PDB file of N, CA and C in Angstrom:
ATOM      1  N   MET A   1     111.437 107.580  94.189  1.00  0.00           N
ATOM      2  CA  MET A   1     112.678 106.910  95.889  1.00  0.00           C
ATOM      3  C   MET A   1     112.111 106.278  96.653  1.00  0.00           C
ATOM      4  N   HIS A   2     112.593 105.276  97.466  1.00  0.00           N
ATOM      5  CA  HIS A   2     111.046 103.807  98.050  1.00  0.00           C
ATOM      6  C   HIS A   2     111.711 104.422  99.456  1.00  0.00           C
ATOM      7  N   TYR A   3     110.498 103.886 100.221  1.00  0.00           N
ATOM      8  CA  TYR A   3     109.492 104.575 101.646  1.00  0.00           C
ATOM      9  C   TYR A   3     109.938 103.572 102.001  1.00  0.00           C
ATOM     10  N   LEU A   4     110.334 102.766 103.475  1.00  0.00           N
ATOM     11  CA  LEU A   4     110.404 102.285 104.441  1.00  0.00           C
ATOM     12  C   LEU A   4     108.908 102.323 105.551  1.00  0.00           C
ATOM     13  N   LEU A   5     107.991 101.630 105.176  1.00  0.00           N
ATOM     14  CA  LEU A   5     106.771 101.899 106.493  1.00  0.00           C
ATOM     15  C   LEU A   5     106.898 100.023 107.586  1.00  0.00           C
ATOM     16  N   PHE A   6     107.387 101.298 108.458  1.00  0.00           N
ATOM     17  CA  PHE A   6     107.526 100.694 109.606  1.00  0.00           C
ATOM     18  C   PHE A   6     106.522 100.310 111.176  1.00  0.00           C
ATOM     19  N   TYR A   7     106.020  99.213 110.739  1.00  0.00           N
ATOM     20  CA  TYR A   7     105.056  98.986 111.544  1.00  0.00           C
ATOM     21  C   TYR A   7     105.629  98.146 113.332  1.00  0.00           C
ATOM     22  N   ASP A   8     104.667  98.461 114.362  1.00  0.00           N
ATOM     23  CA  ASP A   8     105.736  98.371 115.432  1.00  0.00           C
ATOM     24  C   ASP A   8     104.274  97.720 116.413  1.00  0.00           C
ATOM     25  N   PHE A   9     103.732  96.086 116.226  1.00  0.00           N
ATOM     26  CA  PHE A   9     101.994  95.601 116.715  1.00  0.00           C
ATOM     27  C   PHE A   9     102.327  95.213 118.377  1.00  0.00           C
ATOM     28  N   VAL A  10     101.456  95.521 118.956  1.00  0.00           N
ATOM     29  CA  VAL A  10     100.908  94.649 119.388  1.00  0.00           C
ATOM     30  C   VAL A  10     101.321  93.789 120.255  1.00  0.00           C
ATOM     31  N   PRO A  11     101.147  93.157 120.830  1.00  0.00           N
ATOM     32  CA  PRO A  11     101.132  92.220 121.750  1.00  0.00           C
ATOM     33  C   PRO A  11     100.247  90.608 121.483  1.00  0.00           C
ATOM     34  N   SER A  12      99.383  91.855 121.063  1.00  0.00           N
ATOM     35  CA  SER A  12      98.005  90.259 121.057  1.00  0.00           C
ATOM     36  C   SER A  12      98.203  90.165 119.301  1.00  0.00           C
ATOM     37  N   TYR A  13      98.426  91.071 118.733  1.00  0.00           N
ATOM     38  CA  TYR A  13      98.202  90.803 117.385  1.00  0.00           C
ATOM     39  C   TYR A  13      98.664  89.826 116.807  1.00  0.00           C
ATOM     40  N   LEU A  14      98.643  88.806 116.598  1.00  0.00           N
ATOM     41  CA  LEU A  14      98.148  87.651 115.951  1.00  0.00           C
ATOM     42  C   LEU A  14      96.625  87.176 116.541  1.00  0.00           C
ATOM     43  N   ASP A  15      96.216  87.152 117.683  1.00  0.00           N
ATOM     44  CA  ASP A  15      95.463  87.050 117.990  1.00  0.00           C
ATOM     45  C   ASP A  15      94.093  87.715 117.231  1.00  0.00           C
ATOM     46  N   ARG A  16      94.512  88.210 117.117  1.00  0.00           N
ATOM     47  CA  ARG A  16      93.119  89.649 116.884  1.00  0.00           C
ATOM     48  C   ARG A  16      93.720  90.134 115.411  1.00  0.00           C
ATOM     49  N   ARG A  17      94.155  89.400 114.841  1.00  0.00           N
ATOM     50  CA  ARG A  17      94.385  90.449 112.919  1.00  0.00           C
ATOM     51  C   ARG A  17      93.281  89.756 112.362  1.00  0.00           C
ATOM     52  N   GLY A  18      92.881  88.412 112.820  1.00  0.00           N
ATOM     53  CA  GLY A  18      91.988  87.354 111.827  1.00  0.00           C
ATOM     54  C   GLY A  18      90.840  88.733 111.413  1.00  0.00           C
ATOM     55  N   ALA A  19      90.516  89.681 112.498  1.00  0.00           N
ATOM     56  CA  ALA A  19      89.301  89.819 112.152  1.00  0.00           C
ATOM     57  C   ALA A  19      88.991  91.052 110.900  1.00  0.00           C
ATOM     58  N   PHE A  20      90.512  91.804 110.765  1.00  0.00           N
ATOM     59  CA  PHE A  20      90.929  92.903 109.557  1.00  0.00           C
ATOM     60  C   PHE A  20      91.987  92.633 109.163  1.00  0.00           C
ATOM     61  N   ARG A  21      92.365  91.025 109.338  1.00  0.00           N
ATOM     62  CA  ARG A  21      93.051  90.428 107.928  1.00  0.00           C
ATOM     63  C   ARG A  21      92.705  90.878 105.848  1.00  0.00           C
ATOM     64  N   THR A  22      91.321  90.261 106.157  1.00  0.00           N
ATOM     65  CA  THR A  22      91.185  90.009 104.789  1.00  0.00           C
ATOM     66  C   THR A  22      91.338  92.582 104.094  1.00  0.00           C
ATOM     67  N   GLU A  23      90.772  92.959 105.046  1.00  0.00           N
ATOM     68  CA  GLU A  23      90.281  93.932 104.495  1.00  0.00           C
ATOM     69  C   GLU A  23      91.990  94.837 104.423  1.00  0.00           C
ATOM     70  N   HIS A  24      92.388  94.292 105.233  1.00  0.00           N
ATOM     71  CA  HIS A  24      94.725  95.161 105.446  1.00  0.00           C
ATOM     72  C   HIS A  24      95.110  94.906 104.211  1.00  0.00           C
ATOM     73  N   LEU A  25      94.610  93.473 104.064  1.00  0.00           N
ATOM     74  CA  LEU A  25      95.258  92.611 102.713  1.00  0.00           C
ATOM     75  C   LEU A  25      94.893  93.332 101.308  1.00  0.00           C
ATOM     76  N   ARG A  26      93.849  93.647 101.377  1.00  0.00           N
ATOM     77  CA  ARG A  26      92.182  94.201  99.671  1.00  0.00           C
ATOM     78  C   ARG A  26      93.163  95.545 100.035  1.00  0.00           C
ATOM     79  N   LEU A  27      93.254  96.001 100.999  1.00  0.00           N
ATOM     80  CA  LEU A  27      94.741  97.051 100.793  1.00  0.00           C
ATOM     81  C   LEU A  27      95.570  97.229 100.363  1.00  0.00           C
ATOM     82  N   ALA A  28      96.812  96.193 100.948  1.00  0.00           N
ATOM     83  CA  ALA A  28      97.670  96.397 100.009  1.00  0.00           C
ATOM     84  C   ALA A  28      97.054  95.886  98.885  1.00  0.00           C
ATOM     85  N   TRP A  29      96.834  95.424  97.772  1.00  0.00           N
ATOM     86  CA  TRP A  29      97.260  94.075  96.177  1.00  0.00           C
ATOM     87  C   TRP A  29      95.912  95.062  96.201  1.00  0.00           C
ATOM     88  N   GLU A  30      95.284  96.152  96.367  1.00  0.00           N
ATOM     89  CA  GLU A  30      95.392  97.888  95.542  1.00  0.00           C
ATOM     90  C   GLU A  30      96.400  98.420  95.311  1.00  0.00           C
ATOM     91  N   SER A  31      96.303  99.068  96.002  1.00  0.00           N
ATOM     92  CA  SER A  31      98.317  99.448  96.028  1.00  0.00           C
ATOM     93  C   SER A  31      99.588  98.732  95.644  1.00  0.00           C
ATOM     94  N   GLN A  32      99.846  97.729  95.746  1.00  0.00           N
ATOM     95  CA  GLN A  32     100.391  97.260  95.225  1.00  0.00           C
ATOM     96  C   GLN A  32     100.242  98.094  93.304  1.00  0.00           C
ATOM     97  N   ARG A  33      98.758  97.453  93.026  1.00  0.00           N
ATOM     98  CA  ARG A  33      98.715  97.375  91.624  1.00  0.00           C
ATOM     99  C   ARG A  33      98.139  98.273  91.282  1.00  0.00           C
ATOM    100  N   ARG A  34      98.823  99.673  91.592  1.00  0.00           N
ATOM    101  CA  ARG A  34      98.750 100.998  91.587  1.00  0.00           C
ATOM    102  C   ARG A  34     100.358 100.859  91.611  1.00  0.00           C
ATOM    103  N   GLY A  35     101.347 100.641  91.722  1.00  0.00           N
ATOM    104  CA  GLY A  35     102.316 100.440  91.684  1.00  0.00           C
ATOM    105  C   GLY A  35     103.278 101.002  93.144  1.00  0.00           C
ATOM    106  N   GLU A  36     102.489 101.736  93.542  1.00  0.00           N
ATOM    107  CA  GLU A  36     102.757 102.478  94.623  1.00  0.00           C
ATOM    108  C   GLU A  36     103.443 101.059  96.063  1.00  0.00           C
ATOM    109  N   LEU A  37     102.782 100.185  96.150  1.00  0.00           N
ATOM    110  CA  LEU A  37     103.381  99.141  97.320  1.00  0.00           C
ATOM    111  C   LEU A  37     103.997  98.355  96.199  1.00  0.00           C
ATOM    112  N   ILE A  38     105.714  97.747  96.735  1.00  0.00           N
ATOM    113  CA  ILE A  38     106.467  96.989  96.179  1.00  0.00           C
ATOM    114  C   ILE A  38     106.794  95.839  96.887  1.00  0.00           C
ATOM    115  N   LEU A  39     106.615  95.840  98.357  1.00  0.00           N
ATOM    116  CA  LEU A  39     106.396  94.635  98.411  1.00  0.00           C
ATOM    117  C   LEU A  39     106.014  94.833  99.820  1.00  0.00           C
ATOM    118  N   GLY A  40     105.249  93.844 101.286  1.00  0.00           N
ATOM    119  CA  GLY A  40     105.223  94.325 102.347  1.00  0.00           C
ATOM    120  C   GLY A  40     105.147  92.666 103.365  1.00  0.00           C
ATOM    121  N   GLY A  41     104.974  93.204 104.644  1.00  0.00           N
ATOM    122  CA  GLY A  41     104.519  91.824 104.672  1.00  0.00           C
ATOM    123  C   GLY A  41     105.361  92.055 105.975  1.00  0.00           C
ATOM    124  N   ALA A  42     105.152  90.489 107.311  1.00  0.00           N
ATOM    125  CA  ALA A  42     105.238  90.723 109.132  1.00  0.00           C
ATOM    126  C   ALA A  42     106.796  90.310 108.781  1.00  0.00           C
ATOM    127  N   LEU A  43     106.859  90.853 110.054  1.00  0.00           N
ATOM    128  CA  LEU A  43     108.316  89.594 111.047  1.00  0.00           C
ATOM    129  C   LEU A  43     108.090  88.785 110.927  1.00  0.00           C
ATOM    130  N   ALA A  44     108.969  87.771 111.253  1.00  0.00           N
ATOM    131  CA  ALA A  44     108.832  86.642 112.321  1.00  0.00           C
ATOM    132  C   ALA A  44     109.717  86.529 112.881  1.00  0.00           C
ATOM    133  N   ASP A  45     108.738  85.664 114.180  1.00  0.00           N
ATOM    134  CA  ASP A  45     110.039  85.234 115.466  1.00  0.00           C
ATOM    135  C   ASP A  45     110.829  86.044 115.759  1.00  0.00           C
ATOM    136  N   PRO A  46     110.090  86.663 116.530  1.00  0.00           N
ATOM    137  CA  PRO A  46     108.766  86.968 116.430  1.00  0.00           C
ATOM    138  C   PRO A  46     108.159  88.006 115.519  1.00  0.00           C
ATOM    139  N   ALA A  47     107.274  87.403 115.491  1.00  0.00           N
ATOM    140  CA  ALA A  47     105.755  88.370 114.988  1.00  0.00           C
ATOM    141  C   ALA A  47     105.304  89.703 115.747  1.00  0.00           C
ATOM    142  N   ASP A  48     106.691  90.891 115.518  1.00  0.00           N
ATOM    143  CA  ASP A  48     106.096  92.202 116.337  1.00  0.00           C
ATOM    144  C   ASP A  48     106.185  93.272 115.435  1.00  0.00           C
ATOM    145  N   GLY A  49     106.175  92.459 113.942  1.00  0.00           N
ATOM    146  CA  GLY A  49     106.827  94.136 112.891  1.00  0.00           C
ATOM    147  C   GLY A  49     106.090  93.549 111.797  1.00  0.00           C
ATOM    148  N   GLY A  50     105.706  94.923 110.551  1.00  0.00           N
ATOM    149  CA  GLY A  50     105.935  94.741 109.726  1.00  0.00           C
ATOM    150  C   GLY A  50     106.335  95.615 109.108  1.00  0.00           C
ATOM    151  N   VAL A  51     107.802  95.663 107.852  1.00  0.00           N
ATOM    152  CA  VAL A  51     107.993  96.110 107.074  1.00  0.00           C
ATOM    153  C   VAL A  51     107.094  96.368 105.629  1.00  0.00           C
ATOM    154  N   LEU A  52     106.906  97.518 104.739  1.00  0.00           N
ATOM    155  CA  LEU A  52     106.509  97.486 103.829  1.00  0.00           C
ATOM    156  C   LEU A  52     106.816  98.786 103.403  1.00  0.00           C
ATOM    157  N   LEU A  53     106.956  97.924 102.172  1.00  0.00           N
ATOM    158  CA  LEU A  53     108.256  99.037 100.833  1.00  0.00           C
ATOM    159  C   LEU A  53     107.289  99.199 100.063  1.00  0.00           C
ATOM    160  N   PHE A  54     107.330 101.295  99.904  1.00  0.00           N
ATOM    161  CA  PHE A  54     106.197 101.451  98.570  1.00  0.00           C
ATOM    162  C   PHE A  54     108.142 102.316  97.880  1.00  0.00           C
ATOM    163  N   LYS A  55     106.725 102.942  96.336  1.00  0.00           N
ATOM    164  CA  LYS A  55     107.440 103.959  95.384  1.00  0.00           C
ATOM    165  C   LYS A  55     107.237 105.242  95.118  1.00  0.00           C
ATOM    166  N   GLY A  56     107.439 106.347  95.273  1.00  0.00           N
ATOM    167  CA  GLY A  56     107.154 107.515  95.242  1.00  0.00           C
ATOM    168  C   GLY A  56     108.258 108.584  95.138  1.00  0.00           C
ATOM    169  N   ASP A  57     106.873 109.776  95.260  1.00  0.00           N
ATOM    170  CA  ASP A  57     107.602 111.351  94.572  1.00  0.00           C
ATOM    171  C   ASP A  57     107.977 110.874  96.607  1.00  0.00           C
ATOM    172  N   SER A  58     107.356 111.557  97.729  1.00  0.00           N
ATOM    173  CA  SER A  58     107.449 111.531  99.167  1.00  0.00           C
ATOM    174  C   SER A  58     106.521 110.677  99.775  1.00  0.00           C
ATOM    175  N   PRO A  59     106.653 110.904 100.638  1.00  0.00           N
ATOM    176  CA  PRO A  59     106.268 109.734 101.764  1.00  0.00           C
ATOM    177  C   PRO A  59     105.131 109.777 101.902  1.00  0.00           C
ATOM    178  N   LYS A  60     104.215 110.218 101.178  1.00  0.00           N
ATOM    179  CA  LYS A  60     102.879 110.485 101.531  1.00  0.00           C
ATOM    180  C   LYS A  60     102.230 108.905 101.339  1.00  0.00           C
ATOM    181  N   LEU A  61     102.613 108.832  99.676  1.00  0.00           N
ATOM    182  CA  LEU A  61     101.635 106.949  99.801  1.00  0.00           C
ATOM    183  C   LEU A  61     101.453 106.546 101.071  1.00  0.00           C
ATOM    184  N   ALA A  62     102.510 106.408 101.548  1.00  0.00           N
ATOM    185  CA  ALA A  62     103.105 105.169 102.647  1.00  0.00           C
ATOM    186  C   ALA A  62     102.243 105.962 103.682  1.00  0.00           C
ATOM    187  N   GLU A  63     102.434 106.477 104.440  1.00  0.00           N
ATOM    188  CA  GLU A  63     101.122 107.302 105.339  1.00  0.00           C
ATOM    189  C   GLU A  63      99.462 107.179 105.282  1.00  0.00           C
ATOM    190  N   LYS A  64      99.808 107.614 104.133  1.00  0.00           N
ATOM    191  CA  LYS A  64      97.918 107.376 103.506  1.00  0.00           C
ATOM    192  C   LYS A  64      97.738 106.565 103.391  1.00  0.00           C
ATOM    193  N   PHE A  65      98.666 104.733 103.761  1.00  0.00           N
ATOM    194  CA  PHE A  65      98.308 103.403 103.281  1.00  0.00           C
ATOM    195  C   PHE A  65      98.394 103.332 104.908  1.00  0.00           C
ATOM    196  N   ALA A  66      99.252 103.614 105.905  1.00  0.00           N
ATOM    197  CA  ALA A  66      99.070 103.479 107.660  1.00  0.00           C
ATOM    198  C   ALA A  66      97.728 104.418 107.793  1.00  0.00           C
ATOM    199  N   ALA A  67      97.170 105.304 107.410  1.00  0.00           N
ATOM    200  CA  ALA A  67      96.142 106.061 108.149  1.00  0.00           C
ATOM    201  C   ALA A  67      95.262 105.115 107.751  1.00  0.00           C
ATOM    202  N   ALA A  68      94.905 104.609 106.468  1.00  0.00           N
ATOM    203  CA  ALA A  68      93.274 103.767 105.758  1.00  0.00           C
ATOM    204  C   ALA A  68      93.629 102.350 106.313  1.00  0.00           C
ATOM    205  N   ASP A  69      94.945 101.566 107.232  1.00  0.00           N
ATOM    206  CA  ASP A  69      94.967 100.649 107.100  1.00  0.00           C
ATOM    207  C   ASP A  69      94.027  99.969 108.342  1.00  0.00           C
ATOM    208  N   PRO A  70      93.011  99.347 109.059  1.00  0.00           N
ATOM    209  CA  PRO A  70      92.967  98.701 109.167  1.00  0.00           C
ATOM    210  C   PRO A  70      93.352  97.781 111.326  1.00  0.00           C
ATOM    211  N   TYR A  71      94.374  96.807 110.413  1.00  0.00           N
ATOM    212  CA  TYR A  71      95.134  97.638 111.296  1.00  0.00           C
ATOM    213  C   TYR A  71      95.827  98.435 112.264  1.00  0.00           C
ATOM    214  N   VAL A  72      96.023  99.560 111.773  1.00  0.00           N
ATOM    215  CA  VAL A  72      96.406 100.712 112.630  1.00  0.00           C
ATOM    216  C   VAL A  72      95.410 101.464 113.433  1.00  0.00           C
ATOM    217  N   LYS A  73      94.145 101.489 112.819  1.00  0.00           N
ATOM    218  CA  LYS A  73      92.790 102.526 113.309  1.00  0.00           C
ATOM    219  C   LYS A  73      91.911 101.532 114.036  1.00  0.00           C
ATOM    220  N   ASN A  74      92.340 100.149 114.232  1.00  0.00           N
ATOM    221  CA  ASN A  74      91.814  99.565 115.271  1.00  0.00           C
ATOM    222  C   ASN A  74      93.256  99.006 116.527  1.00  0.00           C
ATOM    223  N   GLY A  75      93.670  99.616 116.252  1.00  0.00           N
ATOM    224  CA  GLY A  75      94.945  99.378 117.574  1.00  0.00           C
ATOM    225  C   GLY A  75      95.725  98.004 117.199  1.00  0.00           C
ATOM    226  N   LEU A  76      95.804  96.957 115.865  1.00  0.00           N
ATOM    227  CA  LEU A  76      97.172  96.056 116.196  1.00  0.00           C
ATOM    228  C   LEU A  76      98.108  97.584 115.812  1.00  0.00           C
ATOM    229  N   VAL A  77      98.720  98.117 115.043  1.00  0.00           N
ATOM    230  CA  VAL A  77      99.193  98.265 115.633  1.00  0.00           C
ATOM    231  C   VAL A  77     100.117 100.069 116.624  1.00  0.00           C
ATOM    232  N   ARG A  78     100.933  99.583 117.336  1.00  0.00           N
ATOM    233  CA  ARG A  78     101.215 100.461 118.106  1.00  0.00           C
ATOM    234  C   ARG A  78     101.358 101.969 118.589  1.00  0.00           C
ATOM    235  N   HIS A  79     102.373 101.739 117.333  1.00  0.00           N
ATOM    236  CA  HIS A  79     103.256 102.913 116.739  1.00  0.00           C
ATOM    237  C   HIS A  79     103.825 102.534 115.170  1.00  0.00           C
ATOM    238  N   TRP A  80     104.213 103.677 114.064  1.00  0.00           N
ATOM    239  CA  TRP A  80     103.911 103.337 112.805  1.00  0.00           C
ATOM    240  C   TRP A  80     105.612 104.098 112.630  1.00  0.00           C
ATOM    241  N   ARG A  81     105.842 104.172 111.173  1.00  0.00           N
ATOM    242  CA  ARG A  81     107.264 105.218 111.366  1.00  0.00           C
ATOM    243  C   ARG A  81     107.610 104.962 109.292  1.00  0.00           C
ATOM    244  N   VAL A  82     107.453 106.368 109.055  1.00  0.00           N
ATOM    245  CA  VAL A  82     108.621 106.288 107.769  1.00  0.00           C
ATOM    246  C   VAL A  82     109.462 106.782 107.284  1.00  0.00           C
ATOM    247  N   ARG A  83     110.714 105.759 106.449  1.00  0.00           N
ATOM    248  CA  ARG A  83     111.520 105.720 106.646  1.00  0.00           C
ATOM    249  C   ARG A  83     112.303 106.180 105.191  1.00  0.00           C
ATOM    250  N   GLN A  84     112.638 107.686 104.366  1.00  0.00           N
ATOM    251  CA  GLN A  84     113.164 107.086 102.793  1.00  0.00           C
ATOM    252  C   GLN A  84     114.415 106.234 103.036  1.00  0.00           C
ATOM    253  N   TRP A  85     114.315 105.424 101.622  1.00  0.00           N
ATOM    254  CA  TRP A  85     115.140 104.939 102.149  1.00  0.00           C
ATOM    255  C   TRP A  85     116.462 104.816 100.209  1.00  0.00           C
ATOM    256  N   SER A  86     117.359 105.547 100.374  1.00  0.00           N
ATOM    257  CA  SER A  86     117.938 104.994  99.483  1.00  0.00           C
ATOM    258  C   SER A  86     118.865 103.666  99.222  1.00  0.00           C
ATOM    259  N   THR A  87     118.415 103.463  97.611  1.00  0.00           N
ATOM    260  CA  THR A  87     118.353 102.321  97.093  1.00  0.00           C
ATOM    261  C   THR A  87     119.074 102.534  96.676  1.00  0.00           C
ATOM    262  N   VAL A  88     120.485 101.509  96.149  1.00  0.00           N
ATOM    263  CA  VAL A  88     121.656 101.704  95.771  1.00  0.00           C
ATOM    264  C   VAL A  88     121.563 100.341  94.612  1.00  0.00           C
ATOM    265  N   VAL A  89     121.473  99.143  94.800  1.00  0.00           N
ATOM    266  CA  VAL A  89     121.482  97.833  94.397  1.00  0.00           C
ATOM    267  C   VAL A  89     120.489  97.482  94.071  1.00  0.00           C
ATOM    268  N   GLY A  90     120.470  96.837  92.773  1.00  0.00           N
ATOM    269  CA  GLY A  90     119.236  95.565  92.381  1.00  0.00           C
ATOM    270  C   GLY A  90     118.670  96.147  91.288  1.00  0.00           C
ATOM    271  N   GLU A  91     117.717  95.919  90.356  1.00  0.00           N
ATOM    272  CA  GLU A  91     117.024  96.306  89.250  1.00  0.00           C
ATOM    273  C   GLU A  91     116.155  97.727  89.431  1.00  0.00           C
ATOM    274  N   GLN A  92     115.394  97.985  90.473  1.00  0.00           N
ATOM    275  CA  GLN A  92     114.530  98.873  91.106  1.00  0.00           C
ATOM    276  C   GLN A  92     115.247  99.920  92.232  1.00  0.00           C
ATOM    277  N   ALA A  93     116.578  99.500  91.971  1.00  0.00           N
ATOM    278  CA  ALA A  93     117.260 100.533  92.536  1.00  0.00           C
ATOM    279  C   ALA A  93     117.049 102.128  92.004  1.00  0.00           C
ATOM    280  N   THR A  94     116.533 102.816  93.376  1.00  0.00           N
ATOM    281  CA  THR A  94     116.750 104.348  92.841  1.00  0.00           C
ATOM    282  C   THR A  94     117.056 105.229  91.933  1.00  0.00           C
ATOM    283  N   ASP A  95     118.972 104.519  93.157  1.00  0.00           N
ATOM    284  CA  ASP A  95     119.263 105.681  92.874  1.00  0.00           C
ATOM    285  C   ASP A  95     121.041 104.640  91.978  1.00  0.00           C
ATOM    286  N   PRO A  96     121.057 103.728  92.012  1.00  0.00           N
ATOM    287  CA  PRO A  96     122.362 102.557  91.002  1.00  0.00           C
ATOM    288  C   PRO A  96     123.333 103.076  90.736  1.00  0.00           C
ATOM    289  N   VAL A  97     124.426 103.048  91.702  1.00  0.00           N
ATOM    290  CA  VAL A  97     125.620 103.162  92.337  1.00  0.00           C
ATOM    291  C   VAL A  97     126.099 102.036  91.479  1.00  0.00           C
ATOM    292  N   HIS A  98     127.466 101.900  90.978  1.00  0.00           N
ATOM    293  CA  HIS A  98     128.425 100.213  90.036  1.00  0.00           C
ATOM    294  C   HIS A  98     129.681 100.169  90.657  1.00  0.00           C
ATOM    295  N   PRO A  99     130.154  99.906  90.857  1.00  0.00           N
ATOM    296  CA  PRO A  99     131.625  99.524  91.653  1.00  0.00           C
ATOM    297  C   PRO A  99     132.609 100.744  90.021  1.00  0.00           C
ATOM    298  N   GLU A 100     133.306 101.103  90.411  1.00  0.00           N
ATOM    299  CA  GLU A 100     134.218 102.062  89.185  1.00  0.00           C
ATOM    300  C   GLU A 100     135.263 100.929  89.050  1.00  0.00           C
TER     301      GLU A 100
END
């Protein structure tokens, strides 16, 4: 299954992320190498949130990532949530549906 991890950033996110960005990116790339994190990044214009796409059997991988993320641990993320995403179109869709 696919799971989306949504971050809501604090207003000072861009000013404060520098101190934690290297560790955040290290955590993300390690998760990607293990095949857990598919894509991730910040929303733009405005940079008020982020979205990370995980693949796994449960939301636990995304939840574990958020709990370990220095952005979360240091207050740059004011709220986060995980949602299951039913993907039906694309090469990596977990439940492909084609027109009849």
